[in-house]
Amino acid sequence: MGRKAKESPVKYCLTCKRLMERQRYPSHLEDLGAFKRRLYCSRECMAIGQTHKNPNRSAIQKRIQKFKNQICEKCGGTHYVGIHHKDGNWQNNDPSNFQTLCASCHATLHHSQSDIVAKKEKPPCSVCGKPSYRLGFCHTHLTRFKKHGNPYLVKRRLGSGWQLVEARGQASGRISQELPAECPTA
């Protein structure tokens, strides 16, 4: 004769609102502490209860992977295949709204609908004429400006060592070297 079971608290499943009882196993009854921690009556209710009502975009993409075909519906390609929402609403996840497209066809479709706008071209670097990165300078001249305060500085070998020398660009893009006042002329 075993011990008498302690009274179970009255609990209801968070999903289906059914009265929950302690699980009965062939040799014993569910532990009271485990029962108190349990929120759902079954694994099905737990799966429903832990599914978010308003999932984020990556969660939706994981859910709709089971509807994805292995080939693009436009070109028949098999590389980089993904799901496209026909109506453009990524929250409308009705299977009739899905279209399987490869990355190339997907980008072409969005470009044709003017959903994707090409990047605006950046002005040329004010020193060398390469495409600018920030503040009107290319990456090299921006680094020189931030580190030394002057984007026209270049490293030149003077005698046995190196020294920073200011080199101003011409309109044609050629660079002429000017030695600083403290450097001896050769």
C-alpha atoms as a PDB file:
ATOM      1  CA  MET A   1       0.000   0.000   0.000  1.00  0.00           C
ATOM      2  CA  GLY A   2       1.557   3.317  -1.142  1.00  0.00           C
ATOM      3  CA  ARG A   3       1.244   6.790   0.239  1.00  0.00           C
ATOM      4  CA  LYS A   4      -1.899   8.811  -0.319  1.00  0.00           C
ATOM      5  CA  ALA A   5      -1.491  11.412  -3.090  1.00  0.00           C
ATOM      6  CA  LYS A   6      -1.589  15.069  -2.061  1.00  0.00           C
ATOM      7  CA  GLU A   7      -4.499  17.142  -3.293  1.00  0.00           C
ATOM      8  CA  SER A   8      -3.851  18.582  -6.744  1.00  0.00           C
ATOM      9  CA  PRO A   9      -4.549  22.289  -7.254  1.00  0.00           C
ATOM     10  CA  VAL A  10      -7.300  23.264  -9.685  1.00  0.00           C
ATOM     11  CA  LYS A  11      -5.618  24.237 -12.969  1.00  0.00           C
ATOM     12  CA  TYR A  12      -6.908  24.921 -16.463  1.00  0.00           C
ATOM     13  CA  CYS A  13      -5.053  24.534 -19.768  1.00  0.00           C
ATOM     14  CA  LEU A  14      -3.996  27.914 -21.193  1.00  0.00           C
ATOM     15  CA  THR A  15      -5.028  26.909 -24.723  1.00  0.00           C
ATOM     16  CA  CYS A  16      -8.203  24.823 -24.521  1.00  0.00           C
ATOM     17  CA  LYS A  17      -9.316  25.907 -21.007  1.00  0.00           C
ATOM     18  CA  ARG A  18      -9.949  22.269 -19.973  1.00  0.00           C
ATOM     19  CA  LEU A  19      -9.507  21.206 -16.353  1.00  0.00           C
ATOM     20  CA  MET A  20      -6.055  19.610 -16.006  1.00  0.00           C
ATOM     21  CA  GLU A  21      -5.337  16.521 -13.932  1.00  0.00           C
ATOM     22  CA  ARG A  22      -2.056  14.958 -12.898  1.00  0.00           C
ATOM     23  CA  GLN A  23      -0.721  12.415 -15.420  1.00  0.00           C
ATOM     24  CA  ARG A  24      -1.058   8.767 -14.410  1.00  0.00           C
ATOM     25  CA  TYR A  25       1.836   6.546 -15.386  1.00  0.00           C
ATOM     26  CA  PRO A  26       1.871   2.714 -15.054  1.00  0.00           C
ATOM     27  CA  SER A  27       3.946   2.776 -11.871  1.00  0.00           C
ATOM     28  CA  HIS A  28       3.337   6.219 -10.384  1.00  0.00           C
ATOM     29  CA  LEU A  29       1.477   9.549 -10.470  1.00  0.00           C
ATOM     30  CA  GLU A  30       2.973  12.734 -11.953  1.00  0.00           C
ATOM     31  CA  ASP A  31       5.080  14.675  -9.463  1.00  0.00           C
ATOM     32  CA  LEU A  32       3.134  17.527  -7.839  1.00  0.00           C
ATOM     33  CA  GLY A  33       5.914  20.063  -8.547  1.00  0.00           C
ATOM     34  CA  ALA A  34       5.970  19.106 -12.240  1.00  0.00           C
ATOM     35  CA  PHE A  35       2.170  19.381 -12.360  1.00  0.00           C
ATOM     36  CA  LYS A  36       2.274  22.871 -10.826  1.00  0.00           C
ATOM     37  CA  ARG A  37       4.798  24.015 -13.461  1.00  0.00           C
ATOM     38  CA  ARG A  38       2.830  22.562 -16.374  1.00  0.00           C
ATOM     39  CA  LEU A  39       0.728  25.094 -18.320  1.00  0.00           C
ATOM     40  CA  TYR A  40      -0.885  22.917 -20.986  1.00  0.00           C
ATOM     41  CA  CYS A  41      -2.876  19.680 -20.932  1.00  0.00           C
ATOM     42  CA  SER A  42      -1.082  18.101 -23.925  1.00  0.00           C
ATOM     43  CA  ARG A  43       1.729  18.638 -26.422  1.00  0.00           C
ATOM     44  CA  GLU A  44      -0.780  19.747 -29.058  1.00  0.00           C
ATOM     45  CA  CYS A  45      -2.096  22.510 -26.793  1.00  0.00           C
ATOM     46  CA  MET A  46       1.484  23.504 -25.961  1.00  0.00           C
ATOM     47  CA  ALA A  47       2.348  23.813 -29.676  1.00  0.00           C
ATOM     48  CA  ILE A  48      -0.728  25.961 -30.277  1.00  0.00           C
ATOM     49  CA  GLY A  49      -0.078  28.040 -27.157  1.00  0.00           C
ATOM     50  CA  GLN A  50       3.528  28.761 -28.034  1.00  0.00           C
ATOM     51  CA  THR A  51       2.734  29.852 -31.583  1.00  0.00           C
ATOM     52  CA  HIS A  52       2.829  33.640 -31.738  1.00  0.00           C
ATOM     53  CA  LYS A  53      -0.250  35.438 -33.017  1.00  0.00           C
ATOM     54  CA  ASN A  54       1.841  38.134 -34.741  1.00  0.00           C
ATOM     55  CA  PRO A  55       5.098  36.413 -35.748  1.00  0.00           C
ATOM     56  CA  ASN A  56       8.058  38.340 -37.102  1.00  0.00           C
ATOM     57  CA  ARG A  57       9.230  37.999 -40.682  1.00  0.00           C
ATOM     58  CA  SER A  58      11.843  35.295 -40.068  1.00  0.00           C
ATOM     59  CA  ALA A  59       9.319  33.131 -38.169  1.00  0.00           C
ATOM     60  CA  ILE A  60       6.889  33.399 -41.096  1.00  0.00           C
ATOM     61  CA  GLN A  61       9.642  32.436 -43.538  1.00  0.00           C
ATOM     62  CA  LYS A  62      10.368  29.299 -41.512  1.00  0.00           C
ATOM     63  CA  ARG A  63       6.673  28.368 -41.458  1.00  0.00           C
ATOM     64  CA  ILE A  64       6.166  28.694 -45.207  1.00  0.00           C
ATOM     65  CA  GLN A  65       9.232  26.651 -46.207  1.00  0.00           C
ATOM     66  CA  LYS A  66       7.051  23.545 -46.422  1.00  0.00           C
ATOM     67  CA  PHE A  67       5.147  25.159 -49.331  1.00  0.00           C
ATOM     68  CA  LYS A  68       8.313  25.889 -51.333  1.00  0.00           C
ATOM     69  CA  ASN A  69       8.928  23.894 -54.522  1.00  0.00           C
ATOM     70  CA  GLN A  70      12.412  22.829 -55.612  1.00  0.00           C
ATOM     71  CA  ILE A  71      12.307  24.720 -58.936  1.00  0.00           C
ATOM     72  CA  CYS A  72      11.501  28.295 -59.984  1.00  0.00           C
ATOM     73  CA  GLU A  73       8.004  28.665 -61.455  1.00  0.00           C
ATOM     74  CA  LYS A  74       9.226  31.195 -64.082  1.00  0.00           C
ATOM     75  CA  CYS A  75      12.566  29.937 -65.381  1.00  0.00           C
ATOM     76  CA  GLY A  76      12.853  26.413 -63.960  1.00  0.00           C
ATOM     77  CA  GLY A  77      16.088  27.221 -62.098  1.00  0.00           C
ATOM     78  CA  THR A  78      17.005  25.243 -59.000  1.00  0.00           C
ATOM     79  CA  HIS A  79      19.546  27.536 -57.288  1.00  0.00           C
ATOM     80  CA  TYR A  80      18.581  29.999 -54.526  1.00  0.00           C
ATOM     81  CA  VAL A  81      14.870  29.210 -54.700  1.00  0.00           C
ATOM     82  CA  GLY A  82      12.558  31.122 -52.349  1.00  0.00           C
ATOM     83  CA  ILE A  83       8.941  32.126 -51.768  1.00  0.00           C
ATOM     84  CA  HIS A  84       7.305  35.241 -53.234  1.00  0.00           C
ATOM     85  CA  HIS A  85       3.992  36.620 -51.932  1.00  0.00           C
ATOM     86  CA  LYS A  86       1.869  37.374 -55.014  1.00  0.00           C
ATOM     87  CA  ASP A  87      -0.116  40.189 -53.394  1.00  0.00           C
ATOM     88  CA  GLY A  88       3.025  41.758 -51.856  1.00  0.00           C
ATOM     89  CA  ASN A  89       1.778  41.338 -48.270  1.00  0.00           C
ATOM     90  CA  TRP A  90       4.276  39.146 -46.391  1.00  0.00           C
ATOM     91  CA  GLN A  91       1.738  38.620 -43.588  1.00  0.00           C
ATOM     92  CA  ASN A  92      -0.828  37.045 -45.943  1.00  0.00           C
ATOM     93  CA  ASN A  93       0.300  33.418 -45.696  1.00  0.00           C
ATOM     94  CA  ASP A  94      -2.456  31.666 -47.570  1.00  0.00           C
ATOM     95  CA  PRO A  95      -0.830  28.914 -49.694  1.00  0.00           C
ATOM     96  CA  SER A  96      -2.582  30.277 -52.823  1.00  0.00           C
ATOM     97  CA  ASN A  97      -0.627  33.532 -52.312  1.00  0.00           C
ATOM     98  CA  PHE A  98       2.792  31.814 -52.631  1.00  0.00           C
ATOM     99  CA  GLN A  99       4.932  31.605 -55.745  1.00  0.00           C
ATOM    100  CA  THR A 100       8.285  29.803 -55.856  1.00  0.00           C
ATOM    101  CA  LEU A 101      10.932  31.927 -57.581  1.00  0.00           C
ATOM    102  CA  CYS A 102      14.709  31.852 -57.884  1.00  0.00           C
ATOM    103  CA  ALA A 103      16.625  34.894 -56.612  1.00  0.00           C
ATOM    104  CA  SER A 104      17.129  36.307 -60.109  1.00  0.00           C
ATOM    105  CA  CYS A 105      13.443  36.085 -61.109  1.00  0.00           C
ATOM    106  CA  HIS A 106      12.383  37.401 -57.693  1.00  0.00           C
ATOM    107  CA  ALA A 107      14.624  40.476 -58.004  1.00  0.00           C
ATOM    108  CA  THR A 108      13.507  41.056 -61.615  1.00  0.00           C
ATOM    109  CA  LEU A 109       9.851  40.885 -60.562  1.00  0.00           C
ATOM    110  CA  HIS A 110      10.327  43.411 -57.759  1.00  0.00           C
ATOM    111  CA  HIS A 111      12.339  45.737 -60.037  1.00  0.00           C
ATOM    112  CA  SER A 112       9.574  45.630 -62.646  1.00  0.00           C
ATOM    113  CA  GLN A 113       7.021  46.550 -59.954  1.00  0.00           C
ATOM    114  CA  SER A 114       9.316  49.409 -58.766  1.00  0.00           C
ATOM    115  CA  ASP A 115       9.557  47.873 -55.302  1.00  0.00           C
ATOM    116  CA  ILE A 116      13.356  47.985 -55.465  1.00  0.00           C
ATOM    117  CA  VAL A 117      15.005  51.265 -56.405  1.00  0.00           C
ATOM    118  CA  ALA A 118      18.593  51.294 -57.639  1.00  0.00           C
ATOM    119  CA  LYS A 119      21.156  52.923 -55.344  1.00  0.00           C
ATOM    120  CA  LYS A 120      21.898  56.576 -55.954  1.00  0.00           C
ATOM    121  CA  GLU A 121      25.384  57.069 -57.379  1.00  0.00           C
ATOM    122  CA  LYS A 122      27.825  58.762 -55.043  1.00  0.00           C
ATOM    123  CA  PRO A 123      29.852  61.763 -56.180  1.00  0.00           C
ATOM    124  CA  PRO A 124      33.546  61.197 -56.925  1.00  0.00           C
ATOM    125  CA  CYS A 125      36.230  61.640 -54.263  1.00  0.00           C
ATOM    126  CA  SER A 126      37.356  65.272 -54.136  1.00  0.00           C
ATOM    127  CA  VAL A 127      41.017  64.150 -54.048  1.00  0.00           C
ATOM    128  CA  CYS A 128      41.423  61.245 -56.500  1.00  0.00           C
ATOM    129  CA  GLY A 129      38.114  60.923 -58.381  1.00  0.00           C
ATOM    130  CA  LYS A 130      37.231  57.381 -57.215  1.00  0.00           C
ATOM    131  CA  PRO A 131      33.643  56.809 -55.958  1.00  0.00           C
ATOM    132  CA  SER A 132      33.282  58.532 -52.580  1.00  0.00           C
ATOM    133  CA  TYR A 133      32.593  56.694 -49.354  1.00  0.00           C
ATOM    134  CA  ARG A 134      31.733  59.445 -46.840  1.00  0.00           C
ATOM    135  CA  LEU A 135      32.281  63.189 -46.508  1.00  0.00           C
ATOM    136  CA  GLY A 136      33.142  63.368 -50.220  1.00  0.00           C
ATOM    137  CA  PHE A 137      36.248  61.167 -49.858  1.00  0.00           C
ATOM    138  CA  CYS A 138      37.074  57.614 -50.934  1.00  0.00           C
ATOM    139  CA  HIS A 139      37.948  55.152 -48.175  1.00  0.00           C
ATOM    140  CA  THR A 140      41.695  55.879 -48.394  1.00  0.00           C
ATOM    141  CA  HIS A 141      41.402  59.656 -48.188  1.00  0.00           C
ATOM    142  CA  LEU A 142      38.701  59.474 -45.505  1.00  0.00           C
ATOM    143  CA  THR A 143      41.088  57.433 -43.344  1.00  0.00           C
ATOM    144  CA  ARG A 144      43.863  59.976 -43.869  1.00  0.00           C
ATOM    145  CA  PHE A 145      41.473  62.807 -43.005  1.00  0.00           C
ATOM    146  CA  LYS A 146      40.286  61.119 -39.800  1.00  0.00           C
ATOM    147  CA  LYS A 147      43.752  59.985 -38.679  1.00  0.00           C
ATOM    148  CA  HIS A 148      45.863  63.015 -39.606  1.00  0.00           C
ATOM    149  CA  GLY A 149      43.341  65.813 -40.284  1.00  0.00           C
ATOM    150  CA  ASN A 150      44.370  66.190 -43.933  1.00  0.00           C
ATOM    151  CA  PRO A 151      43.203  63.925 -46.795  1.00  0.00           C
ATOM    152  CA  TYR A 152      46.091  65.079 -49.044  1.00  0.00           C
ATOM    153  CA  LEU A 153      48.828  63.533 -46.873  1.00  0.00           C
ATOM    154  CA  VAL A 154      50.892  60.705 -48.342  1.00  0.00           C
ATOM    155  CA  LYS A 155      53.836  58.717 -46.975  1.00  0.00           C
ATOM    156  CA  ARG A 156      57.105  59.489 -48.764  1.00  0.00           C
ATOM    157  CA  ARG A 157      60.579  58.152 -48.163  1.00  0.00           C
ATOM    158  CA  LEU A 158      62.842  61.022 -47.193  1.00  0.00           C
ATOM    159  CA  GLY A 159      66.427  60.002 -46.550  1.00  0.00           C
ATOM    160  CA  SER A 160      66.521  56.928 -44.328  1.00  0.00           C
ATOM    161  CA  GLY A 161      62.956  57.256 -42.933  1.00  0.00           C
ATOM    162  CA  TRP A 162      59.370  57.933 -43.865  1.00  0.00           C
ATOM    163  CA  GLN A 163      57.510  61.197 -43.445  1.00  0.00           C
ATOM    164  CA  LEU A 164      53.986  62.414 -44.129  1.00  0.00           C
ATOM    165  CA  VAL A 165      54.014  64.876 -47.009  1.00  0.00           C
ATOM    166  CA  GLU A 166      51.139  66.904 -48.376  1.00  0.00           C
ATOM    167  CA  ALA A 167      50.360  66.139 -52.022  1.00  0.00           C
ATOM    168  CA  ARG A 168      47.664  68.247 -53.711  1.00  0.00           C
ATOM    169  CA  GLY A 169      45.778  66.839 -56.723  1.00  0.00           C
ATOM    170  CA  GLN A 170      45.573  68.667 -60.016  1.00  0.00           C
ATOM    171  CA  ALA A 171      42.343  69.055 -61.987  1.00  0.00           C
ATOM    172  CA  SER A 172      43.451  66.273 -64.337  1.00  0.00           C
ATOM    173  CA  GLY A 173      43.850  63.856 -61.435  1.00  0.00           C
ATOM    174  CA  ARG A 174      47.680  63.878 -61.388  1.00  0.00           C
ATOM    175  CA  ILE A 175      49.321  64.395 -58.018  1.00  0.00           C
ATOM    176  CA  SER A 176      52.211  66.805 -57.577  1.00  0.00           C
ATOM    177  CA  GLN A 177      54.350  66.491 -54.477  1.00  0.00           C
ATOM    178  CA  GLU A 178      55.050  69.475 -52.245  1.00  0.00           C
ATOM    179  CA  LEU A 179      57.590  69.021 -49.457  1.00  0.00           C
ATOM    180  CA  PRO A 180      56.830  70.505 -46.051  1.00  0.00           C
ATOM    181  CA  ALA A 181      58.866  73.532 -44.982  1.00  0.00           C
ATOM    182  CA  GLU A 182      60.873  71.614 -42.352  1.00  0.00           C
ATOM    183  CA  CYS A 183      62.107  68.970 -44.844  1.00  0.00           C
ATOM    184  CA  PRO A 184      65.487  69.523 -46.518  1.00  0.00           C
ATOM    185  CA  THR A 185      65.349  69.710 -50.295  1.00  0.00           C
ATOM    186  CA  ALA A 186      67.282  67.152 -52.246  1.00  0.00           C
END
